[in-house]
Amino acid sequence: MTTNPTITDPRTTLLEAVDQATALVGLVTAADLDRPTPCDEYDVRHLLGHVLGVLGRVAHVAGGGLPFDVPSIVLDVADDAWTARCADAAVALRAAWADEAVLDRVLHLPFGDVPGRGAALAYVGELTTHAWDLASAIGRRDVLDEDLAVVAADVVRRFIPDAQRGVIPFGPVVPVAADAPPYDRLVAWVGRDPGWAPSA
């Protein structure tokens, strides 16, 4: 895959991030739903609901919709229906982003209006971060795509400035080495502990 975050058409990378997130949803069992996650406010069920909400929001804004028209978390899902619901949402997202014109359209995101190219990259950052959250919660970091984290780590540094942590809803940056693995650098920048593990 292309790892350069300044690529002209980032839709390929966005769809790879979507595929990674939905593949991880497919690994979740009913026994996992009440497990904790690195997001303090979410257990696995709520994290799945947020991923589903994000997928819906990414599709909605591509057509010019406002982000808050779509809930950020969707919980009216049966325990055995998460995979199917997220797969359906991914299909709708692909259709919404199929037209190349979306790249030059100004889209409305929660933090402001940006061209489609920038919006796609912003959602690469969000979906890749939540893929790590979910993989961490269910013990499947082994399936994460390192190349996606290379892109996402650069994206979040550009879209989530350290100086505005009192304004934007992210915790303080967690210090990591400059040569830390890509996922460590990604999640540390958005306030996660790269060493997080479920408590016994």
C-alpha atoms as a PDB file:
ATOM      1  CA  MET A   1       0.000   0.000   0.000  1.00  0.00           C
ATOM      2  CA  THR A   2       1.028   3.643  -0.351  1.00  0.00           C
ATOM      3  CA  THR A   3       2.331   5.028   2.937  1.00  0.00           C
ATOM      4  CA  ASN A   4       2.865   8.631   1.860  1.00  0.00           C
ATOM      5  CA  PRO A   5       0.207  10.730   3.647  1.00  0.00           C
ATOM      6  CA  THR A   6       0.375  13.416   0.961  1.00  0.00           C
ATOM      7  CA  ILE A   7      -0.840  11.068  -1.786  1.00  0.00           C
ATOM      8  CA  THR A   8      -3.135  12.699  -4.314  1.00  0.00           C
ATOM      9  CA  ASP A   9      -5.960  10.193  -3.856  1.00  0.00           C
ATOM     10  CA  PRO A  10      -6.078   8.863  -0.292  1.00  0.00           C
ATOM     11  CA  ARG A  11      -9.279   6.897  -0.818  1.00  0.00           C
ATOM     12  CA  THR A  12      -7.320   3.657  -1.208  1.00  0.00           C
ATOM     13  CA  THR A  13      -5.740   4.159   2.195  1.00  0.00           C
ATOM     14  CA  LEU A  14      -9.090   5.107   3.708  1.00  0.00           C
ATOM     15  CA  LEU A  15     -10.664   1.913   2.406  1.00  0.00           C
ATOM     16  CA  GLU A  16      -7.747  -0.129   3.734  1.00  0.00           C
ATOM     17  CA  ALA A  17      -8.371   1.423   7.152  1.00  0.00           C
ATOM     18  CA  VAL A  18     -12.061   0.558   6.813  1.00  0.00           C
ATOM     19  CA  ASP A  19     -11.202  -3.021   5.858  1.00  0.00           C
ATOM     20  CA  GLN A  20      -8.858  -3.388   8.827  1.00  0.00           C
ATOM     21  CA  ALA A  21     -11.449  -2.069  11.277  1.00  0.00           C
ATOM     22  CA  THR A  22     -14.245  -4.255   9.917  1.00  0.00           C
ATOM     23  CA  ALA A  23     -11.985  -7.330   9.875  1.00  0.00           C
ATOM     24  CA  LEU A  24     -11.283  -6.785  13.570  1.00  0.00           C
ATOM     25  CA  VAL A  25     -14.995  -6.413  14.262  1.00  0.00           C
ATOM     26  CA  GLY A  26     -15.369  -9.841  12.703  1.00  0.00           C
ATOM     27  CA  LEU A  27     -12.961 -11.300  15.267  1.00  0.00           C
ATOM     28  CA  VAL A  28     -15.030 -10.147  18.234  1.00  0.00           C
ATOM     29  CA  THR A  29     -17.048 -12.818  20.023  1.00  0.00           C
ATOM     30  CA  ALA A  30     -20.030 -12.359  22.310  1.00  0.00           C
ATOM     31  CA  ALA A  31     -17.721 -13.125  25.235  1.00  0.00           C
ATOM     32  CA  ASP A  32     -15.603 -10.099  24.310  1.00  0.00           C
ATOM     33  CA  LEU A  33     -18.384  -7.505  24.398  1.00  0.00           C
ATOM     34  CA  ASP A  34     -17.995  -6.502  28.032  1.00  0.00           C
ATOM     35  CA  ARG A  35     -14.198  -6.390  27.984  1.00  0.00           C
ATOM     36  CA  PRO A  36     -12.455  -3.073  28.725  1.00  0.00           C
ATOM     37  CA  THR A  37     -10.701  -1.129  25.967  1.00  0.00           C
ATOM     38  CA  PRO A  38      -7.994   1.550  25.913  1.00  0.00           C
ATOM     39  CA  CYS A  39     -10.837   4.087  25.558  1.00  0.00           C
ATOM     40  CA  ASP A  40     -11.742   4.615  29.211  1.00  0.00           C
ATOM     41  CA  GLU A  41     -15.366   5.429  28.396  1.00  0.00           C
ATOM     42  CA  TYR A  42     -15.937   2.358  26.173  1.00  0.00           C
ATOM     43  CA  ASP A  43     -16.102  -1.357  26.690  1.00  0.00           C
ATOM     44  CA  VAL A  44     -15.851  -3.488  23.527  1.00  0.00           C
ATOM     45  CA  ARG A  45     -19.586  -3.221  22.832  1.00  0.00           C
ATOM     46  CA  HIS A  46     -19.485   0.576  22.985  1.00  0.00           C
ATOM     47  CA  LEU A  47     -16.300   0.681  20.913  1.00  0.00           C
ATOM     48  CA  LEU A  48     -18.015  -1.403  18.236  1.00  0.00           C
ATOM     49  CA  GLY A  49     -20.930   1.012  18.386  1.00  0.00           C
ATOM     50  CA  HIS A  50     -18.555   3.911  17.882  1.00  0.00           C
ATOM     51  CA  VAL A  51     -16.801   2.228  14.946  1.00  0.00           C
ATOM     52  CA  LEU A  52     -20.215   1.658  13.380  1.00  0.00           C
ATOM     53  CA  GLY A  53     -21.077   5.299  13.979  1.00  0.00           C
ATOM     54  CA  VAL A  54     -17.815   6.464  12.418  1.00  0.00           C
ATOM     55  CA  LEU A  55     -18.393   4.335   9.320  1.00  0.00           C
ATOM     56  CA  GLY A  56     -21.825   5.884   8.925  1.00  0.00           C
ATOM     57  CA  ARG A  57     -20.487   9.372   9.469  1.00  0.00           C
ATOM     58  CA  VAL A  58     -17.675   8.941   6.910  1.00  0.00           C
ATOM     59  CA  ALA A  59     -20.249   7.929   4.308  1.00  0.00           C
ATOM     60  CA  HIS A  60     -22.641  10.735   5.248  1.00  0.00           C
ATOM     61  CA  VAL A  61     -20.144  13.583   5.069  1.00  0.00           C
ATOM     62  CA  ALA A  62     -18.909  12.440   1.655  1.00  0.00           C
ATOM     63  CA  GLY A  63     -22.297  13.428   0.261  1.00  0.00           C
ATOM     64  CA  GLY A  64     -22.181  16.842   1.903  1.00  0.00           C
ATOM     65  CA  GLY A  65     -23.977  15.916   5.106  1.00  0.00           C
ATOM     66  CA  LEU A  66     -23.219  17.362   8.503  1.00  0.00           C
ATOM     67  CA  PRO A  67     -21.266  15.064  10.822  1.00  0.00           C
ATOM     68  CA  PHE A  68     -23.603  15.408  13.770  1.00  0.00           C
ATOM     69  CA  ASP A  69     -26.537  14.250  11.642  1.00  0.00           C
ATOM     70  CA  VAL A  70     -25.133  10.772  12.330  1.00  0.00           C
ATOM     71  CA  PRO A  71     -24.739   9.521  15.905  1.00  0.00           C
ATOM     72  CA  SER A  72     -21.162   8.885  17.001  1.00  0.00           C
ATOM     73  CA  ILE A  73     -22.195   5.609  18.602  1.00  0.00           C
ATOM     74  CA  VAL A  74     -24.825   3.064  17.531  1.00  0.00           C
ATOM     75  CA  LEU A  75     -25.919   0.454  20.055  1.00  0.00           C
ATOM     76  CA  ASP A  76     -29.166  -0.980  18.671  1.00  0.00           C
ATOM     77  CA  VAL A  77     -27.295  -4.044  17.425  1.00  0.00           C
ATOM     78  CA  ALA A  78     -27.796  -7.652  18.491  1.00  0.00           C
ATOM     79  CA  ASP A  79     -24.746  -9.351  19.960  1.00  0.00           C
ATOM     80  CA  ASP A  80     -24.365 -11.561  16.896  1.00  0.00           C
ATOM     81  CA  ALA A  81     -25.008  -8.812  14.325  1.00  0.00           C
ATOM     82  CA  TRP A  82     -22.008  -6.491  14.707  1.00  0.00           C
ATOM     83  CA  THR A  83     -20.050  -8.012  11.832  1.00  0.00           C
ATOM     84  CA  ALA A  84     -22.960  -7.774   9.413  1.00  0.00           C
ATOM     85  CA  ARG A  85     -23.882  -4.224  10.440  1.00  0.00           C
ATOM     86  CA  CYS A  86     -20.319  -2.974  10.044  1.00  0.00           C
ATOM     87  CA  ALA A  87     -19.949  -4.782   6.726  1.00  0.00           C
ATOM     88  CA  ASP A  88     -23.106  -3.093   5.443  1.00  0.00           C
ATOM     89  CA  ALA A  89     -21.827   0.278   6.648  1.00  0.00           C
ATOM     90  CA  ALA A  90     -18.531  -0.325   4.860  1.00  0.00           C
ATOM     91  CA  VAL A  91     -20.376  -1.042   1.607  1.00  0.00           C
ATOM     92  CA  ALA A  92     -22.281   2.231   1.925  1.00  0.00           C
ATOM     93  CA  LEU A  93     -19.046   4.072   2.688  1.00  0.00           C
ATOM     94  CA  ARG A  94     -17.359   2.670  -0.423  1.00  0.00           C
ATOM     95  CA  ALA A  95     -20.282   3.789  -2.559  1.00  0.00           C
ATOM     96  CA  ALA A  96     -20.245   7.285  -1.036  1.00  0.00           C
ATOM     97  CA  TRP A  97     -16.540   7.725  -1.789  1.00  0.00           C
ATOM     98  CA  ALA A  98     -16.564   6.116  -5.254  1.00  0.00           C
ATOM     99  CA  ASP A  99     -16.865   9.402  -7.157  1.00  0.00           C
ATOM    100  CA  GLU A 100     -13.457  11.070  -7.523  1.00  0.00           C
ATOM    101  CA  ALA A 101     -15.174  14.456  -7.212  1.00  0.00           C
ATOM    102  CA  VAL A 102     -15.427  13.905  -3.455  1.00  0.00           C
ATOM    103  CA  LEU A 103     -11.706  14.628  -3.182  1.00  0.00           C
ATOM    104  CA  ASP A 104     -12.170  18.286  -4.117  1.00  0.00           C
ATOM    105  CA  ARG A 105     -15.510  18.764  -2.369  1.00  0.00           C
ATOM    106  CA  VAL A 106     -15.403  20.654   0.926  1.00  0.00           C
ATOM    107  CA  LEU A 107     -16.670  18.248   3.571  1.00  0.00           C
ATOM    108  CA  HIS A 108     -17.981  19.010   7.024  1.00  0.00           C
ATOM    109  CA  LEU A 109     -16.107  17.235   9.815  1.00  0.00           C
ATOM    110  CA  PRO A 110     -16.646  17.606  13.562  1.00  0.00           C
ATOM    111  CA  PHE A 111     -13.598  19.875  13.845  1.00  0.00           C
ATOM    112  CA  GLY A 112     -14.273  21.997  10.759  1.00  0.00           C
ATOM    113  CA  ASP A 113     -14.585  22.047   6.978  1.00  0.00           C
ATOM    114  CA  VAL A 114     -11.824  20.419   4.917  1.00  0.00           C
ATOM    115  CA  PRO A 115     -11.405  19.166   1.344  1.00  0.00           C
ATOM    116  CA  GLY A 116     -12.245  15.522   0.775  1.00  0.00           C
ATOM    117  CA  ARG A 117      -8.575  14.570   0.547  1.00  0.00           C
ATOM    118  CA  GLY A 118      -7.955  15.858   4.038  1.00  0.00           C
ATOM    119  CA  ALA A 119     -11.163  14.313   5.364  1.00  0.00           C
ATOM    120  CA  ALA A 120     -10.169  10.904   4.035  1.00  0.00           C
ATOM    121  CA  LEU A 121      -6.825  11.116   5.821  1.00  0.00           C
ATOM    122  CA  ALA A 122      -8.427  12.326   9.039  1.00  0.00           C
ATOM    123  CA  TYR A 123     -10.643   9.261   9.049  1.00  0.00           C
ATOM    124  CA  VAL A 124      -7.656   7.028   8.304  1.00  0.00           C
ATOM    125  CA  GLY A 125      -6.250   8.317  11.576  1.00  0.00           C
ATOM    126  CA  GLU A 126      -9.464   7.721  13.508  1.00  0.00           C
ATOM    127  CA  LEU A 127     -10.237   4.275  12.124  1.00  0.00           C
ATOM    128  CA  THR A 128      -6.659   3.058  12.495  1.00  0.00           C
ATOM    129  CA  THR A 129      -6.555   4.255  16.094  1.00  0.00           C
ATOM    130  CA  HIS A 130      -9.798   2.463  16.887  1.00  0.00           C
ATOM    131  CA  ALA A 131      -8.526  -0.663  15.143  1.00  0.00           C
ATOM    132  CA  TRP A 132      -5.640  -0.643  17.628  1.00  0.00           C
ATOM    133  CA  ASP A 133      -8.088  -0.069  20.481  1.00  0.00           C
ATOM    134  CA  LEU A 134     -10.160  -3.056  19.429  1.00  0.00           C
ATOM    135  CA  ALA A 135      -7.169  -5.281  18.697  1.00  0.00           C
ATOM    136  CA  SER A 136      -5.750  -4.448  22.118  1.00  0.00           C
ATOM    137  CA  ALA A 137      -9.027  -5.240  23.856  1.00  0.00           C
ATOM    138  CA  ILE A 138      -9.364  -8.696  22.272  1.00  0.00           C
ATOM    139  CA  GLY A 139      -5.661  -9.551  22.202  1.00  0.00           C
ATOM    140  CA  ARG A 140      -5.204  -9.435  18.412  1.00  0.00           C
ATOM    141  CA  ARG A 141      -2.590  -6.770  17.763  1.00  0.00           C
ATOM    142  CA  ASP A 142      -0.875  -9.380  15.609  1.00  0.00           C
ATOM    143  CA  VAL A 143      -3.319  -8.680  12.750  1.00  0.00           C
ATOM    144  CA  LEU A 144      -2.717  -4.918  12.591  1.00  0.00           C
ATOM    145  CA  ASP A 145      -1.279  -3.411   9.397  1.00  0.00           C
ATOM    146  CA  GLU A 146       1.918  -1.510  10.243  1.00  0.00           C
ATOM    147  CA  ASP A 147       1.788   0.462   6.985  1.00  0.00           C
ATOM    148  CA  LEU A 148      -1.555   1.982   7.949  1.00  0.00           C
ATOM    149  CA  ALA A 149      -0.067   3.119  11.238  1.00  0.00           C
ATOM    150  CA  VAL A 150       2.777   4.880   9.411  1.00  0.00           C
ATOM    151  CA  VAL A 151       0.221   6.994   7.536  1.00  0.00           C
ATOM    152  CA  ALA A 152      -2.065   7.461  10.530  1.00  0.00           C
ATOM    153  CA  ALA A 153       0.747   8.477  12.893  1.00  0.00           C
ATOM    154  CA  ASP A 154       1.699  11.323  10.559  1.00  0.00           C
ATOM    155  CA  VAL A 155      -1.932  12.300  10.024  1.00  0.00           C
ATOM    156  CA  VAL A 156      -2.804  12.624  13.708  1.00  0.00           C
ATOM    157  CA  ARG A 157       0.230  14.787  14.342  1.00  0.00           C
ATOM    158  CA  ARG A 158      -1.036  17.191  11.684  1.00  0.00           C
ATOM    159  CA  PHE A 159      -4.729  17.108  12.558  1.00  0.00           C
ATOM    160  CA  ILE A 160      -4.465  16.904  16.361  1.00  0.00           C
ATOM    161  CA  PRO A 161      -1.992  19.541  17.568  1.00  0.00           C
ATOM    162  CA  ASP A 162      -0.428  19.038  20.969  1.00  0.00           C
ATOM    163  CA  ALA A 163      -1.056  22.655  21.940  1.00  0.00           C
ATOM    164  CA  GLN A 164      -4.869  22.338  21.830  1.00  0.00           C
ATOM    165  CA  ARG A 165      -5.369  19.386  24.190  1.00  0.00           C
ATOM    166  CA  GLY A 166      -7.539  21.506  26.463  1.00  0.00           C
ATOM    167  CA  VAL A 167      -9.895  22.244  23.568  1.00  0.00           C
ATOM    168  CA  ILE A 168     -10.021  19.004  21.581  1.00  0.00           C
ATOM    169  CA  PRO A 169     -11.147  15.725  23.198  1.00  0.00           C
ATOM    170  CA  PHE A 170      -7.802  13.932  23.429  1.00  0.00           C
ATOM    171  CA  GLY A 171      -5.578  13.223  26.388  1.00  0.00           C
ATOM    172  CA  PRO A 172      -2.024  14.516  26.768  1.00  0.00           C
ATOM    173  CA  VAL A 173       0.591  13.042  24.453  1.00  0.00           C
ATOM    174  CA  VAL A 174       2.249   9.988  25.992  1.00  0.00           C
ATOM    175  CA  PRO A 175       6.040  10.195  25.544  1.00  0.00           C
ATOM    176  CA  VAL A 176       7.543   7.492  23.337  1.00  0.00           C
ATOM    177  CA  ALA A 177      10.889   7.158  21.583  1.00  0.00           C
ATOM    178  CA  ALA A 178      11.232   8.770  18.165  1.00  0.00           C
ATOM    179  CA  ASP A 179      11.949   5.315  16.723  1.00  0.00           C
ATOM    180  CA  ALA A 180       9.042   3.616  18.496  1.00  0.00           C
ATOM    181  CA  PRO A 181       6.874   1.302  16.362  1.00  0.00           C
ATOM    182  CA  PRO A 182       4.270   3.094  14.243  1.00  0.00           C
ATOM    183  CA  TYR A 183       1.271   2.036  16.323  1.00  0.00           C
ATOM    184  CA  ASP A 184       3.011   3.150  19.511  1.00  0.00           C
ATOM    185  CA  ARG A 185       3.651   6.577  17.976  1.00  0.00           C
ATOM    186  CA  LEU A 186       0.080   6.787  16.667  1.00  0.00           C
ATOM    187  CA  VAL A 187      -1.752   5.940  19.855  1.00  0.00           C
ATOM    188  CA  ALA A 188       0.653   7.832  22.122  1.00  0.00           C
ATOM    189  CA  TRP A 189      -0.051  11.027  20.181  1.00  0.00           C
ATOM    190  CA  VAL A 190      -3.783  10.730  20.848  1.00  0.00           C
ATOM    191  CA  GLY A 191      -3.224  10.082  24.541  1.00  0.00           C
ATOM    192  CA  ARG A 192      -3.278   6.282  24.694  1.00  0.00           C
ATOM    193  CA  ASP A 193      -0.732   4.188  26.591  1.00  0.00           C
ATOM    194  CA  PRO A 194       0.947   1.969  23.968  1.00  0.00           C
ATOM    195  CA  GLY A 195       1.529  -0.627  26.670  1.00  0.00           C
ATOM    196  CA  TRP A 196      -2.138  -0.827  27.643  1.00  0.00           C
ATOM    197  CA  ALA A 197      -3.478  -4.289  28.429  1.00  0.00           C
ATOM    198  CA  PRO A 198      -6.784  -5.447  29.928  1.00  0.00           C
ATOM    199  CA  SER A 199      -6.598  -5.769  33.688  1.00  0.00           C
ATOM    200  CA  ALA A 200      -6.709  -9.254  35.118  1.00  0.00           C
END
